[in-house]
Amino acid sequence: MSKLTQIFKKRNSEDRKDFRDQILECNDEALIKILTQRTYYIPEAAQLAIDEAIRRGIISSEQDLLQDKYRVQELNFTWFPQPINNSNRTRIRKSVGRSLVICGIFPVVYGFIKLNAGNQIEGKLILGFGLLWIFLSSQLLRTFQKQFVFVLLAANIVWAVFVFVRLLSFNRSPFMDFFVAVVLFVLVLYGLIYLYKIGKTTKDVKI
């Protein structure tokens, strides 16, 4: 057996175990939702959900899936899909939180550049802004707090205004600079709104 095959099988086994753990964490309502969307999952994952539903007595056999209640439903598009359980919710929060921390590196670096250029006041303000952003983002890695989300939303607006004013002050205003800035700020805005959407549905346990 090749090394690549071993790695693939190990990864497949880990994914199966991971989904099994997620299934066990689902309440009956979430499990039924998975059953009604089973064709959108890989066969192994769908079978795990079916087996768990049988074990809980939600259905007596796979024949029950022919009932209208468990008929596969068409997925509706949504900008903010809800996680199926708290484990997924926590993973999404941590993933978005890490991305927000990385975003905070930009103002920190820019602040140091300003300090080295002799702009002490502006450099310190930008540096302090970046450090505050990183601190609040790192807190979201630990636990959801809507106050942190609101502060970061306000900070995102302030930073966006600063960047666009600075770009307009240049003699040249290339389209690509504005485009990249808009995309970045919109992505941060989306991430923060998504955090708020999934965070207010349940209270995460601090880890």
N, C-alpha and C. Protein backbone atom coordinates (compact mmCIF):
# COMPACT_ATOMS: atom_id res chain seq x y z
N MET A 1 0.85 -1.20 0.00
CA MET A 1 0.00 0.00 0.00
C MET A 1 0.89 1.25 0.00
N SER A 2 0.63 2.17 -0.91
CA SER A 2 1.45 3.37 -1.01
C SER A 2 1.19 4.30 0.16
N LYS A 3 2.15 5.20 0.38
CA LYS A 3 2.01 6.17 1.47
C LYS A 3 0.81 7.08 1.24
N LEU A 4 0.60 7.47 -0.03
CA LEU A 4 -0.53 8.34 -0.35
C LEU A 4 -1.86 7.66 -0.04
N THR A 5 -1.94 6.37 -0.35
CA THR A 5 -3.17 5.61 -0.07
C THR A 5 -3.41 5.52 1.43
N GLN A 6 -2.34 5.31 2.19
CA GLN A 6 -2.46 5.23 3.65
C GLN A 6 -2.97 6.55 4.23
N ILE A 7 -2.41 7.65 3.71
CA ILE A 7 -2.83 8.97 4.20
C ILE A 7 -4.29 9.22 3.88
N PHE A 8 -4.70 8.84 2.66
CA PHE A 8 -6.10 9.05 2.24
C PHE A 8 -7.04 8.24 3.11
N LYS A 9 -6.70 6.98 3.36
CA LYS A 9 -7.56 6.13 4.18
C LYS A 9 -7.64 6.63 5.61
N LYS A 10 -6.50 7.12 6.13
CA LYS A 10 -6.49 7.65 7.49
C LYS A 10 -7.36 8.89 7.58
N ARG A 11 -7.25 9.76 6.57
CA ARG A 11 -8.04 10.98 6.56
C ARG A 11 -9.53 10.66 6.44
N ASN A 12 -9.86 9.69 5.60
CA ASN A 12 -11.25 9.28 5.41
C ASN A 12 -11.82 8.72 6.70
N SER A 13 -10.99 7.95 7.43
CA SER A 13 -11.42 7.39 8.70
C SER A 13 -11.66 8.49 9.73
N GLU A 14 -10.77 9.51 9.74
CA GLU A 14 -10.92 10.62 10.68
C GLU A 14 -12.17 11.42 10.37
N ASP A 15 -12.45 11.65 9.06
CA ASP A 15 -13.65 12.39 8.68
C ASP A 15 -14.91 11.64 9.11
N ARG A 16 -14.90 10.31 8.93
CA ARG A 16 -16.05 9.50 9.31
C ARG A 16 -16.28 9.57 10.82
N LYS A 17 -15.19 9.47 11.59
CA LYS A 17 -15.30 9.55 13.05
C LYS A 17 -15.78 10.93 13.47
N ASP A 18 -15.28 11.97 12.79
CA ASP A 18 -15.68 13.33 13.11
C ASP A 18 -17.16 13.53 12.87
N PHE A 19 -17.67 13.05 11.73
CA PHE A 19 -19.10 13.21 11.45
C PHE A 19 -19.94 12.38 12.40
N ARG A 20 -19.45 11.20 12.80
CA ARG A 20 -20.19 10.38 13.75
C ARG A 20 -20.35 11.13 15.07
N ASP A 21 -19.28 11.80 15.51
CA ASP A 21 -19.36 12.58 16.74
C ASP A 21 -20.36 13.72 16.60
N GLN A 22 -20.39 14.36 15.42
CA GLN A 22 -21.34 15.44 15.20
C GLN A 22 -22.78 14.93 15.22
N ILE A 23 -22.99 13.76 14.63
CA ILE A 23 -24.32 13.16 14.61
C ILE A 23 -24.80 12.89 16.03
N LEU A 24 -23.92 12.38 16.87
CA LEU A 24 -24.29 12.06 18.24
C LEU A 24 -24.67 13.32 19.03
N GLU A 25 -24.10 14.45 18.65
CA GLU A 25 -24.39 15.71 19.35
C GLU A 25 -25.70 16.34 18.88
N CYS A 26 -26.21 15.91 17.73
CA CYS A 26 -27.44 16.50 17.20
C CYS A 26 -28.65 16.12 18.04
N ASN A 27 -29.57 17.06 18.21
CA ASN A 27 -30.84 16.69 18.82
C ASN A 27 -31.71 16.05 17.74
N ASP A 28 -32.88 15.57 18.13
CA ASP A 28 -33.74 14.86 17.17
C ASP A 28 -34.16 15.75 16.01
N GLU A 29 -34.43 17.01 16.29
CA GLU A 29 -34.86 17.93 15.23
C GLU A 29 -33.77 18.12 14.19
N ALA A 30 -32.53 18.29 14.66
CA ALA A 30 -31.40 18.47 13.73
C ALA A 30 -31.15 17.19 12.94
N LEU A 31 -31.33 16.05 13.60
CA LEU A 31 -31.11 14.78 12.92
C LEU A 31 -32.15 14.56 11.83
N ILE A 32 -33.39 14.92 12.10
CA ILE A 32 -34.44 14.80 11.08
C ILE A 32 -34.13 15.72 9.90
N LYS A 33 -33.59 16.89 10.18
CA LYS A 33 -33.23 17.80 9.10
C LYS A 33 -32.16 17.20 8.20
N ILE A 34 -31.21 16.49 8.82
CA ILE A 34 -30.17 15.82 8.04
C ILE A 34 -30.80 14.73 7.17
N LEU A 35 -31.76 14.02 7.72
CA LEU A 35 -32.43 12.96 6.95
C LEU A 35 -33.13 13.54 5.72
N THR A 36 -33.71 14.72 5.88
CA THR A 36 -34.43 15.32 4.76
C THR A 36 -33.48 15.97 3.75
N GLN A 37 -32.18 15.96 4.08
CA GLN A 37 -31.17 16.49 3.16
C GLN A 37 -30.09 15.45 2.88
N ARG A 38 -30.44 14.19 3.09
CA ARG A 38 -29.44 13.12 3.06
C ARG A 38 -28.74 12.96 1.72
N THR A 39 -29.41 13.31 0.63
CA THR A 39 -28.78 13.13 -0.68
C THR A 39 -27.68 14.15 -0.93
N TYR A 40 -27.60 15.18 -0.09
CA TYR A 40 -26.56 16.19 -0.24
C TYR A 40 -25.30 15.83 0.54
N TYR A 41 -25.36 14.74 1.31
CA TYR A 41 -24.21 14.26 2.06
C TYR A 41 -23.57 13.09 1.31
N ILE A 42 -22.31 12.81 1.62
CA ILE A 42 -21.68 11.63 1.05
C ILE A 42 -22.41 10.41 1.61
N PRO A 43 -22.47 9.31 0.87
CA PRO A 43 -23.26 8.13 1.30
C PRO A 43 -22.92 7.65 2.70
N GLU A 44 -21.63 7.64 3.05
CA GLU A 44 -21.23 7.15 4.38
C GLU A 44 -21.81 8.03 5.48
N ALA A 45 -21.77 9.35 5.27
CA ALA A 45 -22.30 10.27 6.28
C ALA A 45 -23.82 10.13 6.40
N ALA A 46 -24.49 10.01 5.25
CA ALA A 46 -25.95 9.85 5.27
C ALA A 46 -26.34 8.57 5.99
N GLN A 47 -25.58 7.51 5.78
CA GLN A 47 -25.89 6.23 6.42
C GLN A 47 -25.71 6.32 7.94
N LEU A 48 -24.70 7.06 8.37
CA LEU A 48 -24.49 7.25 9.80
C LEU A 48 -25.70 7.95 10.43
N ALA A 49 -26.24 8.94 9.73
CA ALA A 49 -27.41 9.65 10.23
C ALA A 49 -28.63 8.73 10.28
N ILE A 50 -28.79 7.92 9.27
CA ILE A 50 -29.92 6.98 9.23
C ILE A 50 -29.80 5.97 10.37
N ASP A 51 -28.61 5.44 10.57
CA ASP A 51 -28.40 4.46 11.65
C ASP A 51 -28.69 5.07 13.02
N GLU A 52 -28.27 6.32 13.20
CA GLU A 52 -28.51 6.98 14.48
C GLU A 52 -30.00 7.25 14.68
N ALA A 53 -30.70 7.60 13.61
CA ALA A 53 -32.15 7.82 13.70
C ALA A 53 -32.87 6.54 14.07
N ILE A 54 -32.42 5.42 13.53
CA ILE A 54 -33.01 4.12 13.88
C ILE A 54 -32.72 3.79 15.34
N ARG A 55 -31.50 4.06 15.76
CA ARG A 55 -31.11 3.75 17.14
C ARG A 55 -31.95 4.54 18.13
N ARG A 56 -32.27 5.79 17.79
CA ARG A 56 -33.06 6.63 18.69
C ARG A 56 -34.56 6.33 18.60
N GLY A 57 -34.96 5.57 17.61
CA GLY A 57 -36.37 5.27 17.45
C GLY A 57 -37.12 6.33 16.67
N ILE A 58 -36.40 7.24 16.02
CA ILE A 58 -37.06 8.26 15.20
C ILE A 58 -37.72 7.58 14.01
N ILE A 59 -37.01 6.63 13.42
CA ILE A 59 -37.57 5.78 12.36
C ILE A 59 -37.30 4.34 12.76
N SER A 60 -38.13 3.43 12.28
CA SER A 60 -37.94 2.02 12.63
C SER A 60 -37.04 1.31 11.62
N SER A 61 -37.01 1.80 10.38
CA SER A 61 -36.16 1.22 9.35
C SER A 61 -36.00 2.24 8.23
N GLU A 62 -35.15 1.92 7.27
CA GLU A 62 -34.93 2.83 6.15
C GLU A 62 -36.19 2.98 5.30
N GLN A 63 -37.12 2.04 5.41
CA GLN A 63 -38.37 2.14 4.65
C GLN A 63 -39.17 3.38 5.08
N ASP A 64 -39.00 3.78 6.32
CA ASP A 64 -39.73 4.95 6.81
C ASP A 64 -39.31 6.23 6.09
N LEU A 65 -38.14 6.21 5.47
CA LEU A 65 -37.67 7.39 4.76
C LEU A 65 -38.51 7.69 3.52
N LEU A 66 -39.37 6.76 3.14
CA LEU A 66 -40.25 6.97 2.01
C LEU A 66 -41.46 7.84 2.38
N GLN A 67 -41.66 8.05 3.68
CA GLN A 67 -42.76 8.88 4.12
C GLN A 67 -42.51 10.34 3.71
N ASP A 68 -43.60 11.09 3.55
CA ASP A 68 -43.49 12.50 3.16
C ASP A 68 -42.66 13.31 4.15
N LYS A 69 -42.73 12.93 5.42
CA LYS A 69 -42.02 13.67 6.45
C LYS A 69 -40.52 13.66 6.22
N TYR A 70 -40.02 12.56 5.64
CA TYR A 70 -38.57 12.41 5.46
C TYR A 70 -38.16 12.53 3.99
N ARG A 71 -39.07 13.02 3.16
CA ARG A 71 -38.75 13.19 1.75
C ARG A 71 -37.65 14.25 1.61
N VAL A 72 -36.71 14.00 0.73
CA VAL A 72 -35.58 14.91 0.56
C VAL A 72 -36.08 16.27 0.09
N GLN A 73 -35.68 17.29 0.82
CA GLN A 73 -36.11 18.65 0.50
C GLN A 73 -35.02 19.37 -0.28
N GLU A 74 -35.46 20.24 -1.15
CA GLU A 74 -34.51 21.04 -1.91
C GLU A 74 -33.90 22.09 -0.99
N LEU A 75 -32.58 22.23 -1.08
CA LEU A 75 -31.89 23.19 -0.23
C LEU A 75 -32.20 24.61 -0.69
N ASN A 76 -32.55 25.46 0.27
CA ASN A 76 -32.79 26.87 -0.02
C ASN A 76 -31.51 27.65 0.21
N PHE A 77 -31.19 28.53 -0.74
CA PHE A 77 -29.97 29.32 -0.59
C PHE A 77 -30.11 30.30 0.57
N THR A 78 -29.06 30.43 1.35
CA THR A 78 -29.02 31.40 2.43
C THR A 78 -27.60 31.92 2.58
N TRP A 79 -27.48 33.18 2.86
CA TRP A 79 -26.16 33.77 3.07
C TRP A 79 -25.57 33.36 4.42
N PHE A 80 -26.43 32.96 5.34
CA PHE A 80 -25.96 32.62 6.69
C PHE A 80 -26.50 31.25 7.09
N PRO A 81 -25.94 30.17 6.54
CA PRO A 81 -26.40 28.83 6.90
C PRO A 81 -26.12 28.53 8.37
N GLN A 82 -27.09 27.91 9.02
CA GLN A 82 -26.96 27.60 10.44
C GLN A 82 -26.23 26.27 10.63
N PRO A 83 -25.26 26.20 11.54
CA PRO A 83 -24.59 24.93 11.84
C PRO A 83 -25.58 23.92 12.40
N ILE A 84 -25.28 22.63 12.19
CA ILE A 84 -26.21 21.61 12.64
C ILE A 84 -26.10 21.35 14.13
N ASN A 85 -24.98 21.73 14.75
CA ASN A 85 -24.83 21.52 16.19
C ASN A 85 -23.81 22.49 16.76
N ASN A 86 -23.63 22.44 18.07
CA ASN A 86 -22.72 23.37 18.74
C ASN A 86 -21.27 23.15 18.36
N SER A 87 -20.92 21.90 18.03
CA SER A 87 -19.54 21.61 17.63
C SER A 87 -19.20 22.35 16.34
N ASN A 88 -20.08 22.29 15.36
CA ASN A 88 -19.86 23.01 14.10
C ASN A 88 -19.87 24.51 14.32
N ARG A 89 -20.76 24.96 15.20
CA ARG A 89 -20.86 26.38 15.49
C ARG A 89 -19.54 26.89 16.08
N THR A 90 -18.97 26.12 16.99
CA THR A 90 -17.71 26.52 17.60
C THR A 90 -16.58 26.53 16.59
N ARG A 91 -16.56 25.56 15.70
CA ARG A 91 -15.51 25.51 14.67
C ARG A 91 -15.59 26.71 13.74
N ILE A 92 -16.81 27.07 13.34
CA ILE A 92 -16.97 28.22 12.47
C ILE A 92 -16.51 29.49 13.18
N ARG A 93 -16.91 29.62 14.44
CA ARG A 93 -16.51 30.80 15.21
C ARG A 93 -14.99 30.91 15.31
N LYS A 94 -14.34 29.80 15.56
CA LYS A 94 -12.89 29.82 15.67
C LYS A 94 -12.23 30.14 14.33
N SER A 95 -12.79 29.59 13.26
CA SER A 95 -12.23 29.83 11.93
C SER A 95 -12.33 31.31 11.56
N VAL A 96 -13.52 31.90 11.79
CA VAL A 96 -13.70 33.32 11.50
C VAL A 96 -12.83 34.15 12.43
N GLY A 97 -12.74 33.74 13.69
CA GLY A 97 -11.92 34.47 14.65
C GLY A 97 -10.46 34.51 14.25
N ARG A 98 -9.94 33.38 13.76
CA ARG A 98 -8.54 33.35 13.31
C ARG A 98 -8.34 34.29 12.11
N SER A 99 -9.30 34.31 11.21
CA SER A 99 -9.20 35.20 10.05
C SER A 99 -9.20 36.67 10.49
N LEU A 100 -10.01 36.98 11.51
CA LEU A 100 -10.06 38.35 12.01
C LEU A 100 -8.75 38.75 12.68
N VAL A 101 -8.15 37.80 13.39
CA VAL A 101 -6.84 38.07 14.01
C VAL A 101 -5.81 38.41 12.93
N ILE A 102 -5.82 37.65 11.85
CA ILE A 102 -4.88 37.89 10.75
C ILE A 102 -5.10 39.28 10.16
N CYS A 103 -6.37 39.69 10.04
CA CYS A 103 -6.68 41.03 9.51
C CYS A 103 -6.08 42.13 10.39
N GLY A 104 -5.99 41.85 11.69
CA GLY A 104 -5.43 42.85 12.60
C GLY A 104 -3.94 43.07 12.41
N ILE A 105 -3.27 42.17 11.72
CA ILE A 105 -1.83 42.32 11.49
C ILE A 105 -1.55 43.50 10.57
N PHE A 106 -2.46 43.77 9.63
CA PHE A 106 -2.24 44.87 8.66
C PHE A 106 -2.09 46.23 9.34
N PRO A 107 -3.03 46.64 10.19
CA PRO A 107 -2.84 47.94 10.86
C PRO A 107 -1.64 47.95 11.80
N VAL A 108 -1.31 46.81 12.40
CA VAL A 108 -0.13 46.76 13.28
C VAL A 108 1.13 47.04 12.47
N VAL A 109 1.27 46.37 11.34
CA VAL A 109 2.44 46.59 10.48
C VAL A 109 2.48 48.02 9.97
N TYR A 110 1.32 48.53 9.55
CA TYR A 110 1.25 49.89 9.04
C TYR A 110 1.58 50.90 10.13
N GLY A 111 1.17 50.61 11.35
CA GLY A 111 1.49 51.48 12.47
C GLY A 111 2.99 51.56 12.71
N PHE A 112 3.66 50.41 12.65
CA PHE A 112 5.12 50.40 12.82
C PHE A 112 5.80 51.17 11.69
N ILE A 113 5.25 51.05 10.47
CA ILE A 113 5.83 51.79 9.34
C ILE A 113 5.72 53.30 9.59
N LYS A 114 4.57 53.72 10.10
CA LYS A 114 4.38 55.14 10.39
C LYS A 114 5.32 55.60 11.51
N LEU A 115 5.52 54.76 12.51
CA LEU A 115 6.43 55.12 13.59
C LEU A 115 7.86 55.26 13.09
N ASN A 116 8.28 54.35 12.24
CA ASN A 116 9.63 54.41 11.68
C ASN A 116 9.81 55.61 10.77
N ALA A 117 8.68 56.07 10.18
CA ALA A 117 8.75 57.24 9.30
C ALA A 117 8.72 58.55 10.08
N GLY A 118 8.57 58.46 11.40
CA GLY A 118 8.56 59.65 12.23
C GLY A 118 7.19 60.18 12.57
N ASN A 119 6.14 59.54 12.10
CA ASN A 119 4.77 59.97 12.42
C ASN A 119 4.33 59.30 13.72
N GLN A 120 4.78 59.85 14.83
CA GLN A 120 4.58 59.19 16.12
C GLN A 120 3.11 59.08 16.52
N ILE A 121 2.37 60.18 16.44
CA ILE A 121 0.98 60.17 16.89
C ILE A 121 0.13 59.24 16.03
N GLU A 122 0.21 59.45 14.71
CA GLU A 122 -0.58 58.61 13.81
C GLU A 122 -0.16 57.15 13.92
N GLY A 123 1.15 56.92 14.01
CA GLY A 123 1.65 55.55 14.11
C GLY A 123 1.15 54.85 15.37
N LYS A 124 1.16 55.56 16.49
CA LYS A 124 0.70 54.96 17.75
C LYS A 124 -0.80 54.67 17.71
N LEU A 125 -1.57 55.60 17.10
CA LEU A 125 -3.02 55.38 17.01
C LEU A 125 -3.33 54.14 16.16
N ILE A 126 -2.66 54.04 15.02
CA ILE A 126 -2.91 52.89 14.15
C ILE A 126 -2.43 51.60 14.80
N LEU A 127 -1.27 51.65 15.45
CA LEU A 127 -0.75 50.47 16.14
C LEU A 127 -1.69 50.04 17.26
N GLY A 128 -2.18 51.01 18.04
CA GLY A 128 -3.12 50.69 19.11
C GLY A 128 -4.42 50.10 18.57
N PHE A 129 -4.88 50.65 17.44
CA PHE A 129 -6.08 50.12 16.79
C PHE A 129 -5.87 48.66 16.41
N GLY A 130 -4.73 48.35 15.79
CA GLY A 130 -4.45 46.98 15.36
C GLY A 130 -4.36 46.02 16.52
N LEU A 131 -3.69 46.46 17.61
CA LEU A 131 -3.56 45.59 18.78
C LEU A 131 -4.91 45.34 19.44
N LEU A 132 -5.76 46.38 19.48
CA LEU A 132 -7.11 46.22 20.04
C LEU A 132 -7.91 45.25 19.18
N TRP A 133 -7.79 45.37 17.87
CA TRP A 133 -8.50 44.47 16.96
C TRP A 133 -8.07 43.02 17.20
N ILE A 134 -6.77 42.80 17.31
CA ILE A 134 -6.25 41.44 17.52
C ILE A 134 -6.74 40.90 18.86
N PHE A 135 -6.76 41.74 19.88
CA PHE A 135 -7.21 41.31 21.22
C PHE A 135 -8.67 40.87 21.18
N LEU A 136 -9.53 41.71 20.59
CA LEU A 136 -10.96 41.39 20.54
C LEU A 136 -11.21 40.15 19.68
N SER A 137 -10.49 40.04 18.58
CA SER A 137 -10.66 38.88 17.70
C SER A 137 -10.23 37.60 18.41
N SER A 138 -9.14 37.68 19.16
CA SER A 138 -8.66 36.50 19.88
C SER A 138 -9.64 36.08 20.97
N GLN A 139 -10.38 37.06 21.52
CA GLN A 139 -11.39 36.71 22.52
C GLN A 139 -12.52 35.90 21.90
N LEU A 140 -12.84 36.20 20.64
CA LEU A 140 -13.89 35.44 19.95
C LEU A 140 -13.45 34.01 19.67
N LEU A 141 -12.14 33.76 19.71
CA LEU A 141 -11.66 32.39 19.57
C LEU A 141 -12.00 31.56 20.81
N ARG A 142 -12.14 32.24 21.94
CA ARG A 142 -12.40 31.55 23.20
C ARG A 142 -13.89 31.38 23.48
N THR A 143 -14.65 32.45 23.25
CA THR A 143 -16.08 32.38 23.53
C THR A 143 -16.79 33.49 22.78
N PHE A 144 -18.05 33.25 22.44
CA PHE A 144 -18.81 34.27 21.72
C PHE A 144 -19.30 35.34 22.69
N GLN A 145 -19.01 36.60 22.35
CA GLN A 145 -19.52 37.74 23.09
C GLN A 145 -20.00 38.76 22.08
N LYS A 146 -21.28 39.03 22.09
CA LYS A 146 -21.82 39.93 21.07
C LYS A 146 -21.24 41.34 21.20
N GLN A 147 -20.80 41.72 22.43
CA GLN A 147 -20.20 43.04 22.59
C GLN A 147 -18.93 43.17 21.75
N PHE A 148 -18.14 42.09 21.72
CA PHE A 148 -16.92 42.11 20.91
C PHE A 148 -17.25 42.26 19.43
N VAL A 149 -18.31 41.59 18.99
CA VAL A 149 -18.72 41.66 17.59
C VAL A 149 -19.13 43.09 17.24
N PHE A 150 -19.90 43.73 18.12
CA PHE A 150 -20.35 45.10 17.85
C PHE A 150 -19.17 46.07 17.78
N VAL A 151 -18.22 45.90 18.70
CA VAL A 151 -17.04 46.78 18.71
C VAL A 151 -16.23 46.59 17.44
N LEU A 152 -16.07 45.33 17.01
CA LEU A 152 -15.32 45.06 15.78
C LEU A 152 -16.06 45.59 14.55
N LEU A 153 -17.39 45.52 14.57
CA LEU A 153 -18.16 46.09 13.46
C LEU A 153 -17.91 47.60 13.36
N ALA A 154 -17.94 48.28 14.51
CA ALA A 154 -17.67 49.72 14.51
C ALA A 154 -16.23 50.00 14.08
N ALA A 155 -15.30 49.18 14.55
CA ALA A 155 -13.89 49.36 14.19
C ALA A 155 -13.67 49.13 12.70
N ASN A 156 -14.39 48.19 12.14
CA ASN A 156 -14.27 47.92 10.70
C ASN A 156 -14.72 49.13 9.88
N ILE A 157 -15.77 49.79 10.33
CA ILE A 157 -16.26 50.98 9.64
C ILE A 157 -15.25 52.12 9.75
N VAL A 158 -14.71 52.30 10.96
CA VAL A 158 -13.72 53.36 11.17
C VAL A 158 -12.49 53.13 10.31
N TRP A 159 -12.00 51.89 10.28
CA TRP A 159 -10.81 51.58 9.49
C TRP A 159 -11.09 51.73 8.00
N ALA A 160 -12.30 51.36 7.56
CA ALA A 160 -12.66 51.51 6.16
C ALA A 160 -12.66 52.98 5.75
N VAL A 161 -13.24 53.84 6.59
CA VAL A 161 -13.26 55.28 6.31
C VAL A 161 -11.84 55.82 6.23
N PHE A 162 -10.99 55.40 7.17
CA PHE A 162 -9.59 55.86 7.18
C PHE A 162 -8.88 55.46 5.90
N VAL A 163 -9.04 54.20 5.50
CA VAL A 163 -8.35 53.70 4.30
C VAL A 163 -8.83 54.42 3.05
N PHE A 164 -10.14 54.61 2.91
CA PHE A 164 -10.66 55.25 1.70
C PHE A 164 -10.28 56.73 1.64
N VAL A 165 -10.28 57.40 2.79
CA VAL A 165 -9.84 58.80 2.82
C VAL A 165 -8.37 58.89 2.44
N ARG A 166 -7.56 57.96 2.93
CA ARG A 166 -6.14 57.95 2.60
C ARG A 166 -5.92 57.67 1.11
N LEU A 167 -6.71 56.74 0.55
CA LEU A 167 -6.58 56.46 -0.87
C LEU A 167 -6.98 57.67 -1.72
N LEU A 168 -8.03 58.38 -1.30
CA LEU A 168 -8.48 59.56 -2.05
C LEU A 168 -7.48 60.70 -1.95
N SER A 169 -6.68 60.72 -0.89
CA SER A 169 -5.71 61.80 -0.71
C SER A 169 -4.50 61.64 -1.63
N PHE A 170 -4.32 60.45 -2.18
CA PHE A 170 -3.21 60.24 -3.11
C PHE A 170 -3.51 60.95 -4.43
N ASN A 171 -2.46 61.32 -5.11
CA ASN A 171 -2.63 61.97 -6.41
C ASN A 171 -3.26 61.02 -7.42
N ARG A 172 -2.97 59.74 -7.26
CA ARG A 172 -3.56 58.75 -8.15
C ARG A 172 -4.49 57.85 -7.32
N SER A 173 -5.56 57.41 -7.91
CA SER A 173 -6.52 56.56 -7.21
C SER A 173 -6.87 55.37 -8.10
N PRO A 174 -5.95 54.40 -8.19
CA PRO A 174 -6.21 53.26 -9.08
C PRO A 174 -7.41 52.45 -8.63
N PHE A 175 -8.14 51.98 -9.62
CA PHE A 175 -9.35 51.21 -9.35
C PHE A 175 -9.06 49.97 -8.52
N MET A 176 -7.93 49.30 -8.81
CA MET A 176 -7.62 48.05 -8.13
C MET A 176 -7.44 48.24 -6.62
N ASP A 177 -6.84 49.37 -6.21
CA ASP A 177 -6.67 49.64 -4.78
C ASP A 177 -8.03 49.72 -4.08
N PHE A 178 -8.96 50.44 -4.70
CA PHE A 178 -10.29 50.56 -4.12
C PHE A 178 -11.02 49.22 -4.13
N PHE A 179 -10.86 48.48 -5.20
CA PHE A 179 -11.53 47.19 -5.31
C PHE A 179 -11.06 46.23 -4.22
N VAL A 180 -9.75 46.13 -4.02
CA VAL A 180 -9.20 45.24 -3.00
C VAL A 180 -9.68 45.67 -1.61
N ALA A 181 -9.68 46.99 -1.36
CA ALA A 181 -10.11 47.49 -0.05
C ALA A 181 -11.58 47.17 0.19
N VAL A 182 -12.42 47.38 -0.82
CA VAL A 182 -13.86 47.10 -0.68
C VAL A 182 -14.09 45.62 -0.40
N VAL A 183 -13.42 44.75 -1.16
CA VAL A 183 -13.59 43.31 -0.98
C VAL A 183 -13.18 42.90 0.43
N LEU A 184 -12.04 43.42 0.90
CA LEU A 184 -11.56 43.06 2.24
C LEU A 184 -12.54 43.48 3.32
N PHE A 185 -13.01 44.71 3.26
CA PHE A 185 -13.91 45.21 4.29
C PHE A 185 -15.27 44.52 4.25
N VAL A 186 -15.74 44.19 3.05
CA VAL A 186 -17.02 43.48 2.92
C VAL A 186 -16.89 42.07 3.49
N LEU A 187 -15.76 41.40 3.25
CA LEU A 187 -15.55 40.06 3.80
C LEU A 187 -15.50 40.09 5.33
N VAL A 188 -14.82 41.09 5.88
CA VAL A 188 -14.78 41.23 7.34
C VAL A 188 -16.18 41.50 7.88
N LEU A 189 -16.92 42.37 7.20
CA LEU A 189 -18.29 42.67 7.62
C LEU A 189 -19.15 41.42 7.60
N TYR A 190 -19.03 40.64 6.52
CA TYR A 190 -19.80 39.40 6.41
C TYR A 190 -19.45 38.43 7.54
N GLY A 191 -18.15 38.28 7.79
CA GLY A 191 -17.72 37.37 8.86
C GLY A 191 -18.27 37.77 10.21
N LEU A 192 -18.27 39.06 10.51
CA LEU A 192 -18.77 39.53 11.81
C LEU A 192 -20.28 39.34 11.92
N ILE A 193 -21.00 39.64 10.84
CA ILE A 193 -22.46 39.44 10.86
C ILE A 193 -22.79 37.96 11.01
N TYR A 194 -22.01 37.11 10.33
CA TYR A 194 -22.24 35.66 10.43
C TYR A 194 -21.98 35.19 11.86
N LEU A 195 -20.92 35.70 12.48
CA LEU A 195 -20.64 35.34 13.87
C LEU A 195 -21.82 35.71 14.76
N TYR A 196 -22.36 36.90 14.54
CA TYR A 196 -23.50 37.33 15.36
C TYR A 196 -24.72 36.44 15.12
N LYS A 197 -24.96 36.09 13.86
CA LYS A 197 -26.11 35.26 13.51
C LYS A 197 -26.05 33.89 14.18
N ILE A 198 -24.88 33.24 14.11
CA ILE A 198 -24.78 31.89 14.68
C ILE A 198 -24.54 31.95 16.18
N GLY A 199 -24.02 33.07 16.65
CA GLY A 199 -23.74 33.17 18.09
C GLY A 199 -24.96 33.41 18.93
N LYS A 200 -25.94 34.12 18.38
CA LYS A 200 -27.12 34.45 19.19
C LYS A 200 -28.12 33.29 19.27
N THR A 201 -27.86 32.22 18.48
CA THR A 201 -28.78 31.07 18.50
C THR A 201 -28.53 30.16 19.69
N THR A 202 -27.37 30.25 20.27
CA THR A 202 -27.05 29.41 21.41
C THR A 202 -25.93 30.03 22.20
N LYS A 203 -25.79 29.64 23.43
CA LYS A 203 -24.71 30.14 24.26
C LYS A 203 -23.57 29.11 24.28
N ASP A 204 -22.44 29.54 23.76
CA ASP A 204 -21.29 28.65 23.74
C ASP A 204 -20.67 28.55 25.12
N VAL A 205 -20.13 27.41 25.41
CA VAL A 205 -19.43 27.23 26.67
C VAL A 205 -18.00 27.70 26.51
N LYS A 206 -17.51 28.47 27.43
CA LYS A 206 -16.16 28.98 27.36
C LYS A 206 -15.18 27.82 27.46
N ILE A 207 -14.13 27.83 26.59
CA ILE A 207 -13.17 26.73 26.60
C ILE A 207 -11.80 27.25 26.99
